[in-house]
N, C-alpha and C. Protein backbone atom coordinates (compact mmCIF):
# COMPACT_ATOMS: atom_id res chain seq x y z
N UNK A 1 43.17 21.99 4.83
CA UNK A 1 41.79 22.42 4.87
C UNK A 1 41.02 21.61 3.85
N UNK A 2 39.80 21.21 4.22
CA UNK A 2 38.98 20.38 3.36
C UNK A 2 38.36 21.21 2.25
N UNK A 3 38.28 20.62 1.06
CA UNK A 3 37.62 21.24 -0.06
C UNK A 3 36.13 21.30 0.25
N UNK A 4 35.48 22.42 0.00
CA UNK A 4 34.08 22.55 0.38
C UNK A 4 33.17 21.67 -0.46
N UNK A 5 33.65 21.07 -1.54
CA UNK A 5 32.85 20.18 -2.36
C UNK A 5 32.95 18.73 -1.90
N UNK A 6 33.77 18.45 -0.91
CA UNK A 6 33.94 17.08 -0.43
C UNK A 6 32.71 16.61 0.33
N UNK A 7 32.40 15.33 0.17
CA UNK A 7 31.38 14.72 1.01
C UNK A 7 32.08 14.00 2.14
N UNK A 8 31.32 13.62 3.15
CA UNK A 8 31.89 12.90 4.28
C UNK A 8 32.55 11.61 3.81
N UNK A 9 31.91 10.92 2.87
CA UNK A 9 32.48 9.67 2.36
C UNK A 9 33.83 9.93 1.68
N UNK A 10 33.94 11.01 0.91
CA UNK A 10 35.21 11.33 0.25
C UNK A 10 36.29 11.68 1.27
N UNK A 11 35.92 12.39 2.30
CA UNK A 11 36.89 12.76 3.33
C UNK A 11 37.41 11.52 4.03
N UNK A 12 36.50 10.60 4.34
CA UNK A 12 36.89 9.40 5.07
C UNK A 12 37.66 8.41 4.21
N UNK A 13 37.47 8.45 2.89
CA UNK A 13 38.14 7.50 2.01
C UNK A 13 39.54 7.93 1.61
N UNK A 14 39.94 9.14 1.91
CA UNK A 14 41.29 9.58 1.58
C UNK A 14 42.30 8.72 2.33
N UNK A 15 43.34 8.33 1.62
CA UNK A 15 44.36 7.49 2.22
C UNK A 15 45.69 8.22 2.20
N UNK A 16 46.43 8.16 3.31
CA UNK A 16 47.74 8.78 3.31
C UNK A 16 48.70 7.95 2.45
N UNK A 17 49.84 8.54 2.13
CA UNK A 17 50.81 7.87 1.27
C UNK A 17 51.30 6.57 1.87
N UNK A 18 51.54 6.54 3.17
CA UNK A 18 52.08 5.34 3.82
C UNK A 18 51.02 4.74 4.73
N UNK A 19 49.99 4.17 4.13
CA UNK A 19 48.91 3.57 4.90
C UNK A 19 49.26 2.13 5.22
N UNK A 20 49.16 1.78 6.49
CA UNK A 20 49.45 0.41 6.91
C UNK A 20 48.37 -0.52 6.42
N UNK A 21 48.75 -1.72 6.10
CA UNK A 21 47.79 -2.72 5.64
C UNK A 21 46.79 -3.02 6.76
N UNK A 22 45.52 -3.04 6.41
CA UNK A 22 44.48 -3.35 7.37
C UNK A 22 43.85 -2.13 8.01
N UNK A 23 44.50 -0.97 7.95
CA UNK A 23 43.89 0.23 8.52
C UNK A 23 43.32 1.06 7.38
N UNK A 24 42.14 1.63 7.60
CA UNK A 24 41.46 2.35 6.52
C UNK A 24 41.50 3.86 6.71
N UNK A 25 41.30 4.32 7.92
CA UNK A 25 41.21 5.76 8.16
C UNK A 25 42.33 6.21 9.09
N UNK A 26 42.69 7.47 8.96
CA UNK A 26 43.73 8.02 9.82
C UNK A 26 43.10 8.96 10.85
N UNK A 27 43.90 9.27 11.85
CA UNK A 27 43.42 10.19 12.89
C UNK A 27 43.14 11.57 12.30
N UNK A 28 43.88 11.96 11.27
CA UNK A 28 43.67 13.26 10.65
C UNK A 28 42.27 13.33 10.05
N UNK A 29 41.78 12.22 9.52
CA UNK A 29 40.45 12.22 8.91
C UNK A 29 39.34 12.14 9.96
N UNK A 30 39.56 11.45 11.03
CA UNK A 30 38.53 11.29 12.06
C UNK A 30 38.53 12.44 13.06
N UNK A 31 39.63 13.16 13.20
CA UNK A 31 39.74 14.19 14.23
C UNK A 31 38.66 15.26 14.13
N UNK A 32 38.42 15.88 12.95
CA UNK A 32 37.36 16.90 12.91
C UNK A 32 35.97 16.33 13.18
N UNK A 33 35.73 15.09 12.78
CA UNK A 33 34.45 14.46 13.07
C UNK A 33 34.31 14.26 14.58
N UNK A 34 35.38 13.86 15.23
CA UNK A 34 35.38 13.73 16.69
C UNK A 34 35.13 15.06 17.37
N UNK A 35 35.70 16.14 16.81
CA UNK A 35 35.46 17.47 17.37
C UNK A 35 33.98 17.84 17.29
N UNK A 36 33.36 17.57 16.15
CA UNK A 36 31.94 17.89 15.98
C UNK A 36 31.08 17.06 16.93
N UNK A 37 31.38 15.77 17.05
CA UNK A 37 30.59 14.92 17.94
C UNK A 37 30.79 15.32 19.40
N UNK A 38 32.01 15.70 19.77
CA UNK A 38 32.25 16.20 21.12
C UNK A 38 31.52 17.52 21.34
N UNK A 39 31.48 18.34 20.30
CA UNK A 39 30.72 19.59 20.35
C UNK A 39 29.26 19.32 20.65
N UNK A 40 28.68 18.30 20.03
CA UNK A 40 27.26 18.00 20.27
C UNK A 40 27.03 17.51 21.70
N UNK A 41 27.98 16.74 22.23
CA UNK A 41 27.86 16.28 23.62
C UNK A 41 27.94 17.46 24.57
N UNK A 42 28.90 18.36 24.32
CA UNK A 42 29.04 19.55 25.20
C UNK A 42 27.82 20.46 25.09
N UNK A 43 27.26 20.60 23.90
CA UNK A 43 26.06 21.41 23.73
C UNK A 43 24.90 20.80 24.52
N UNK A 44 24.79 19.48 24.49
CA UNK A 44 23.75 18.80 25.26
C UNK A 44 23.93 19.03 26.75
N UNK A 45 25.16 18.91 27.22
CA UNK A 45 25.45 19.14 28.65
C UNK A 45 25.10 20.58 29.01
N UNK A 46 25.47 21.52 28.15
CA UNK A 46 25.17 22.94 28.42
C UNK A 46 23.67 23.17 28.51
N UNK A 47 22.91 22.55 27.63
CA UNK A 47 21.45 22.71 27.66
C UNK A 47 20.86 22.19 28.97
N UNK A 48 21.34 21.04 29.41
CA UNK A 48 20.84 20.47 30.67
C UNK A 48 21.22 21.37 31.85
N UNK A 49 22.45 21.87 31.85
CA UNK A 49 22.88 22.76 32.93
C UNK A 49 22.04 24.04 32.96
N UNK A 50 21.75 24.60 31.79
CA UNK A 50 20.92 25.80 31.75
C UNK A 50 19.51 25.52 32.26
N UNK A 51 18.96 24.37 31.90
CA UNK A 51 17.62 24.01 32.38
C UNK A 51 17.61 23.85 33.90
N UNK A 52 18.63 23.17 34.44
CA UNK A 52 18.73 23.00 35.90
C UNK A 52 18.82 24.37 36.58
N UNK A 53 19.62 25.26 36.02
CA UNK A 53 19.73 26.60 36.58
C UNK A 53 18.45 27.41 36.47
N UNK A 54 17.72 27.20 35.38
CA UNK A 54 16.49 27.97 35.15
C UNK A 54 15.35 27.54 36.06
N UNK A 55 15.34 26.28 36.48
CA UNK A 55 14.22 25.82 37.32
C UNK A 55 14.47 26.05 38.80
N UNK A 56 15.68 26.43 39.16
CA UNK A 56 15.96 26.73 40.57
C UNK A 56 15.52 28.15 40.90
N UNK A 57 15.08 28.36 42.14
CA UNK A 57 14.68 29.72 42.50
C UNK A 57 15.89 30.66 42.46
N UNK A 58 15.68 31.87 41.99
CA UNK A 58 16.81 32.82 41.89
C UNK A 58 17.34 33.23 43.26
N UNK A 59 18.64 33.43 43.31
CA UNK A 59 19.26 33.88 44.56
C UNK A 59 19.16 35.39 44.71
N UNK A 60 19.00 36.08 43.59
CA UNK A 60 18.85 37.53 43.58
C UNK A 60 17.52 37.85 42.90
N UNK A 61 16.68 38.65 43.55
CA UNK A 61 15.40 39.03 42.95
C UNK A 61 15.50 40.44 42.39
N UNK A 62 15.18 40.55 41.12
CA UNK A 62 15.19 41.85 40.45
C UNK A 62 13.75 42.20 40.06
N UNK A 63 13.48 43.49 39.81
CA UNK A 63 12.13 43.88 39.43
C UNK A 63 11.69 43.25 38.10
N UNK A 64 10.38 43.23 37.86
CA UNK A 64 9.75 42.52 36.75
C UNK A 64 10.37 42.76 35.37
N UNK A 65 10.66 43.97 34.96
CA UNK A 65 11.14 44.11 33.58
C UNK A 65 12.48 43.40 33.33
N UNK A 66 13.29 43.29 34.37
CA UNK A 66 14.61 42.67 34.19
C UNK A 66 14.81 41.45 35.09
N UNK A 67 13.72 40.82 35.48
CA UNK A 67 13.83 39.68 36.40
C UNK A 67 14.56 38.48 35.78
N UNK A 68 14.55 38.37 34.44
CA UNK A 68 15.26 37.26 33.81
C UNK A 68 16.76 37.31 34.05
N UNK A 69 17.29 38.48 34.34
CA UNK A 69 18.73 38.64 34.58
C UNK A 69 19.14 37.91 35.86
N UNK A 70 18.23 37.77 36.81
CA UNK A 70 18.57 37.10 38.07
C UNK A 70 18.97 35.65 37.84
N UNK A 71 18.46 35.01 36.78
CA UNK A 71 18.84 33.63 36.48
C UNK A 71 20.31 33.52 36.08
N UNK A 72 20.87 34.60 35.56
CA UNK A 72 22.27 34.57 35.13
C UNK A 72 23.25 34.46 36.30
N UNK A 73 22.79 34.72 37.49
CA UNK A 73 23.67 34.64 38.66
C UNK A 73 23.63 33.27 39.31
N UNK A 74 22.93 32.33 38.71
CA UNK A 74 22.87 30.97 39.21
C UNK A 74 24.14 30.23 38.77
N UNK A 75 24.73 29.45 39.65
CA UNK A 75 25.96 28.72 39.33
C UNK A 75 25.80 27.73 38.19
N UNK A 76 24.63 27.08 38.12
CA UNK A 76 24.38 26.13 37.03
C UNK A 76 24.34 26.83 35.68
N UNK A 77 23.75 28.01 35.66
CA UNK A 77 23.67 28.78 34.41
C UNK A 77 25.06 29.24 33.99
N UNK A 78 25.84 29.70 34.95
CA UNK A 78 27.20 30.13 34.63
C UNK A 78 28.01 28.95 34.09
N UNK A 79 27.89 27.78 34.73
CA UNK A 79 28.58 26.60 34.25
C UNK A 79 28.10 26.21 32.85
N UNK A 80 26.80 26.32 32.60
CA UNK A 80 26.25 26.03 31.27
C UNK A 80 26.83 26.94 30.21
N UNK A 81 26.98 28.21 30.53
CA UNK A 81 27.56 29.16 29.58
C UNK A 81 29.03 28.82 29.30
N UNK A 82 29.76 28.43 30.34
CA UNK A 82 31.17 28.03 30.16
C UNK A 82 31.26 26.80 29.25
N UNK A 83 30.37 25.84 29.46
CA UNK A 83 30.36 24.64 28.61
C UNK A 83 29.99 25.01 27.18
N UNK A 84 29.05 25.94 27.01
CA UNK A 84 28.71 26.42 25.66
C UNK A 84 29.92 27.04 24.98
N UNK A 85 30.70 27.81 25.71
CA UNK A 85 31.91 28.42 25.14
C UNK A 85 32.91 27.35 24.73
N UNK A 86 33.06 26.29 25.54
CA UNK A 86 33.94 25.18 25.16
C UNK A 86 33.41 24.49 23.90
N UNK A 87 32.09 24.33 23.82
CA UNK A 87 31.47 23.73 22.63
C UNK A 87 31.73 24.59 21.40
N UNK A 88 31.58 25.89 21.54
CA UNK A 88 31.84 26.81 20.43
C UNK A 88 33.29 26.73 19.98
N UNK A 89 34.21 26.58 20.93
CA UNK A 89 35.63 26.47 20.59
C UNK A 89 35.90 25.23 19.74
N UNK A 90 35.27 24.12 20.09
CA UNK A 90 35.43 22.90 19.29
C UNK A 90 34.83 23.08 17.90
N UNK A 91 33.68 23.73 17.83
CA UNK A 91 33.03 23.99 16.55
C UNK A 91 33.95 24.81 15.65
N UNK A 92 34.54 25.87 16.22
CA UNK A 92 35.44 26.72 15.43
C UNK A 92 36.71 25.98 15.02
N UNK A 93 37.15 25.03 15.83
CA UNK A 93 38.34 24.24 15.47
C UNK A 93 38.02 23.25 14.35
N UNK A 94 36.79 22.75 14.30
CA UNK A 94 36.42 21.74 13.29
C UNK A 94 36.02 22.35 11.96
N UNK A 95 35.45 23.55 11.96
CA UNK A 95 34.93 24.13 10.72
C UNK A 95 35.95 24.25 9.59
N UNK A 96 37.19 24.64 9.86
CA UNK A 96 38.14 24.73 8.74
C UNK A 96 38.49 23.36 8.14
N UNK A 97 38.24 22.29 8.87
CA UNK A 97 38.66 20.96 8.44
C UNK A 97 37.55 20.16 7.76
N UNK A 98 36.31 20.61 7.84
CA UNK A 98 35.18 19.90 7.25
C UNK A 98 34.34 20.87 6.44
N UNK A 99 33.69 20.36 5.39
CA UNK A 99 32.71 21.21 4.71
C UNK A 99 31.57 21.56 5.68
N UNK A 100 31.02 22.74 5.56
CA UNK A 100 29.99 23.19 6.49
C UNK A 100 28.77 22.27 6.47
N UNK A 101 28.37 21.80 5.28
CA UNK A 101 27.19 20.95 5.22
C UNK A 101 27.40 19.62 5.95
N UNK A 102 28.63 19.14 6.00
CA UNK A 102 28.93 17.91 6.73
C UNK A 102 28.94 18.20 8.23
N UNK A 103 29.62 19.27 8.63
CA UNK A 103 29.71 19.62 10.05
C UNK A 103 28.33 19.91 10.62
N UNK A 104 27.52 20.66 9.88
CA UNK A 104 26.20 21.01 10.37
C UNK A 104 25.29 19.78 10.44
N UNK A 105 25.43 18.89 9.46
CA UNK A 105 24.65 17.66 9.49
C UNK A 105 24.99 16.80 10.70
N UNK A 106 26.29 16.68 11.00
CA UNK A 106 26.70 15.91 12.17
C UNK A 106 26.27 16.57 13.48
N UNK A 107 26.24 17.89 13.48
CA UNK A 107 25.84 18.58 14.70
C UNK A 107 24.35 18.39 15.00
N UNK A 108 23.60 17.88 14.03
CA UNK A 108 22.18 17.59 14.26
C UNK A 108 21.98 16.49 15.29
N UNK A 109 23.05 15.80 15.64
CA UNK A 109 22.95 14.77 16.69
C UNK A 109 22.47 15.38 18.00
N UNK A 110 22.65 16.69 18.16
CA UNK A 110 22.20 17.34 19.39
C UNK A 110 20.69 17.23 19.53
N UNK A 111 19.96 17.13 18.41
CA UNK A 111 18.50 16.99 18.47
C UNK A 111 18.09 15.61 18.95
N UNK A 112 19.02 14.68 18.99
CA UNK A 112 18.79 13.37 19.56
C UNK A 112 19.26 13.32 21.01
N UNK A 113 20.40 13.95 21.26
CA UNK A 113 21.01 13.87 22.59
C UNK A 113 20.28 14.69 23.65
N UNK A 114 19.76 15.86 23.29
CA UNK A 114 19.08 16.71 24.28
C UNK A 114 17.83 16.02 24.83
N UNK A 115 16.95 15.47 23.98
CA UNK A 115 15.80 14.76 24.57
C UNK A 115 16.21 13.56 25.41
N UNK A 116 17.24 12.83 24.97
CA UNK A 116 17.69 11.69 25.76
C UNK A 116 18.25 12.13 27.10
N UNK A 117 19.03 13.22 27.10
CA UNK A 117 19.59 13.73 28.35
C UNK A 117 18.49 14.28 29.25
N UNK A 118 17.50 14.94 28.67
CA UNK A 118 16.41 15.46 29.50
C UNK A 118 15.61 14.32 30.11
N UNK A 119 15.50 13.22 29.40
CA UNK A 119 14.83 12.04 29.94
C UNK A 119 15.65 11.41 31.06
N UNK A 120 16.96 11.26 30.84
CA UNK A 120 17.82 10.61 31.84
C UNK A 120 18.08 11.47 33.07
N UNK A 121 18.36 12.74 32.85
CA UNK A 121 18.79 13.61 33.95
C UNK A 121 17.61 14.34 34.60
N UNK A 122 16.73 14.87 33.78
CA UNK A 122 15.64 15.69 34.29
C UNK A 122 14.33 14.91 34.45
N UNK A 123 14.35 13.65 34.03
CA UNK A 123 13.18 12.77 34.13
C UNK A 123 11.99 13.31 33.37
N UNK A 124 12.25 13.95 32.24
CA UNK A 124 11.18 14.43 31.38
C UNK A 124 10.73 13.28 30.47
N UNK A 125 9.48 13.30 30.09
CA UNK A 125 8.94 12.26 29.21
C UNK A 125 9.22 12.61 27.75
N UNK A 126 9.43 11.57 26.95
CA UNK A 126 9.58 11.75 25.51
C UNK A 126 8.35 11.12 24.86
N UNK A 127 7.43 11.94 24.34
CA UNK A 127 6.23 11.38 23.72
C UNK A 127 6.59 10.56 22.48
N UNK A 128 5.67 9.69 22.09
CA UNK A 128 5.89 8.81 20.95
C UNK A 128 6.14 9.62 19.68
N UNK A 129 5.41 10.70 19.49
CA UNK A 129 5.61 11.55 18.31
C UNK A 129 7.01 12.12 18.24
N UNK A 130 7.53 12.54 19.39
CA UNK A 130 8.89 13.07 19.42
C UNK A 130 9.90 11.97 19.13
N UNK A 131 9.65 10.77 19.66
CA UNK A 131 10.55 9.65 19.36
C UNK A 131 10.57 9.36 17.87
N UNK A 132 9.41 9.42 17.24
CA UNK A 132 9.35 9.21 15.80
C UNK A 132 10.14 10.29 15.07
N UNK A 133 9.97 11.53 15.51
CA UNK A 133 10.75 12.63 14.93
C UNK A 133 12.24 12.43 15.11
N UNK A 134 12.64 11.92 16.28
CA UNK A 134 14.06 11.65 16.53
C UNK A 134 14.58 10.56 15.59
N UNK A 135 13.75 9.58 15.29
CA UNK A 135 14.15 8.54 14.33
C UNK A 135 14.32 9.13 12.93
N UNK A 136 13.46 10.07 12.55
CA UNK A 136 13.62 10.73 11.26
C UNK A 136 14.91 11.56 11.23
N UNK A 137 15.21 12.23 12.32
CA UNK A 137 16.45 12.99 12.40
C UNK A 137 17.65 12.06 12.26
N UNK A 138 17.61 10.94 12.96
CA UNK A 138 18.70 9.96 12.86
C UNK A 138 18.84 9.47 11.43
N UNK A 139 17.72 9.19 10.78
CA UNK A 139 17.78 8.77 9.38
C UNK A 139 18.38 9.85 8.49
N UNK A 140 18.03 11.09 8.75
CA UNK A 140 18.60 12.20 7.98
C UNK A 140 20.09 12.34 8.19
N UNK A 141 20.54 12.17 9.43
CA UNK A 141 21.97 12.24 9.71
C UNK A 141 22.72 11.15 8.96
N UNK A 142 22.16 9.95 8.97
CA UNK A 142 22.80 8.82 8.27
C UNK A 142 22.83 9.09 6.76
N UNK A 143 21.72 9.59 6.20
CA UNK A 143 21.69 9.90 4.78
C UNK A 143 22.71 10.98 4.40
N UNK A 144 22.80 12.02 5.24
CA UNK A 144 23.78 13.07 4.97
C UNK A 144 25.22 12.53 5.07
N UNK A 145 25.44 11.68 6.03
CA UNK A 145 26.81 11.18 6.25
C UNK A 145 27.28 10.29 5.11
N UNK A 146 26.38 9.54 4.53
CA UNK A 146 26.80 8.58 3.51
C UNK A 146 26.35 8.95 2.10
N UNK A 147 25.88 10.16 1.91
CA UNK A 147 25.45 10.56 0.57
C UNK A 147 26.68 10.84 -0.30
N UNK A 148 26.53 10.52 -1.55
CA UNK A 148 27.60 10.74 -2.53
C UNK A 148 27.12 11.75 -3.56
N UNK A 149 28.06 12.52 -4.09
CA UNK A 149 27.70 13.50 -5.12
C UNK A 149 27.47 12.81 -6.44
């Protein structure tokens, strides 16, 4: 388990006792980071699936106070929830191996991936202001990833 005071740079710089010449990082060090990045991809997919399900007409019509429940019976929404559960499973697997501030910082990639996926899949526009915001988020992710104590 990772020490909660570790930075991403410290985690990545740890070397095993028998490190081969020319290799810098081990799979043990990259694995939790891969879990978090896969988590962000799955979260993005889940968001797109939920949006697709939400814009389709409901197959079951319920009265006004509870009409939102009819969206839950859409296959896309159900698939989106399943993908969210898979994403949550990866998040729970990675948390014991990384400090929370590192894991949460890396998970901010979802704020870049969701607009890109909505542009590619749903053909939504990304205004210039949002693109600028996405660049700031990317800069923040890079700063968090390479910051030293």
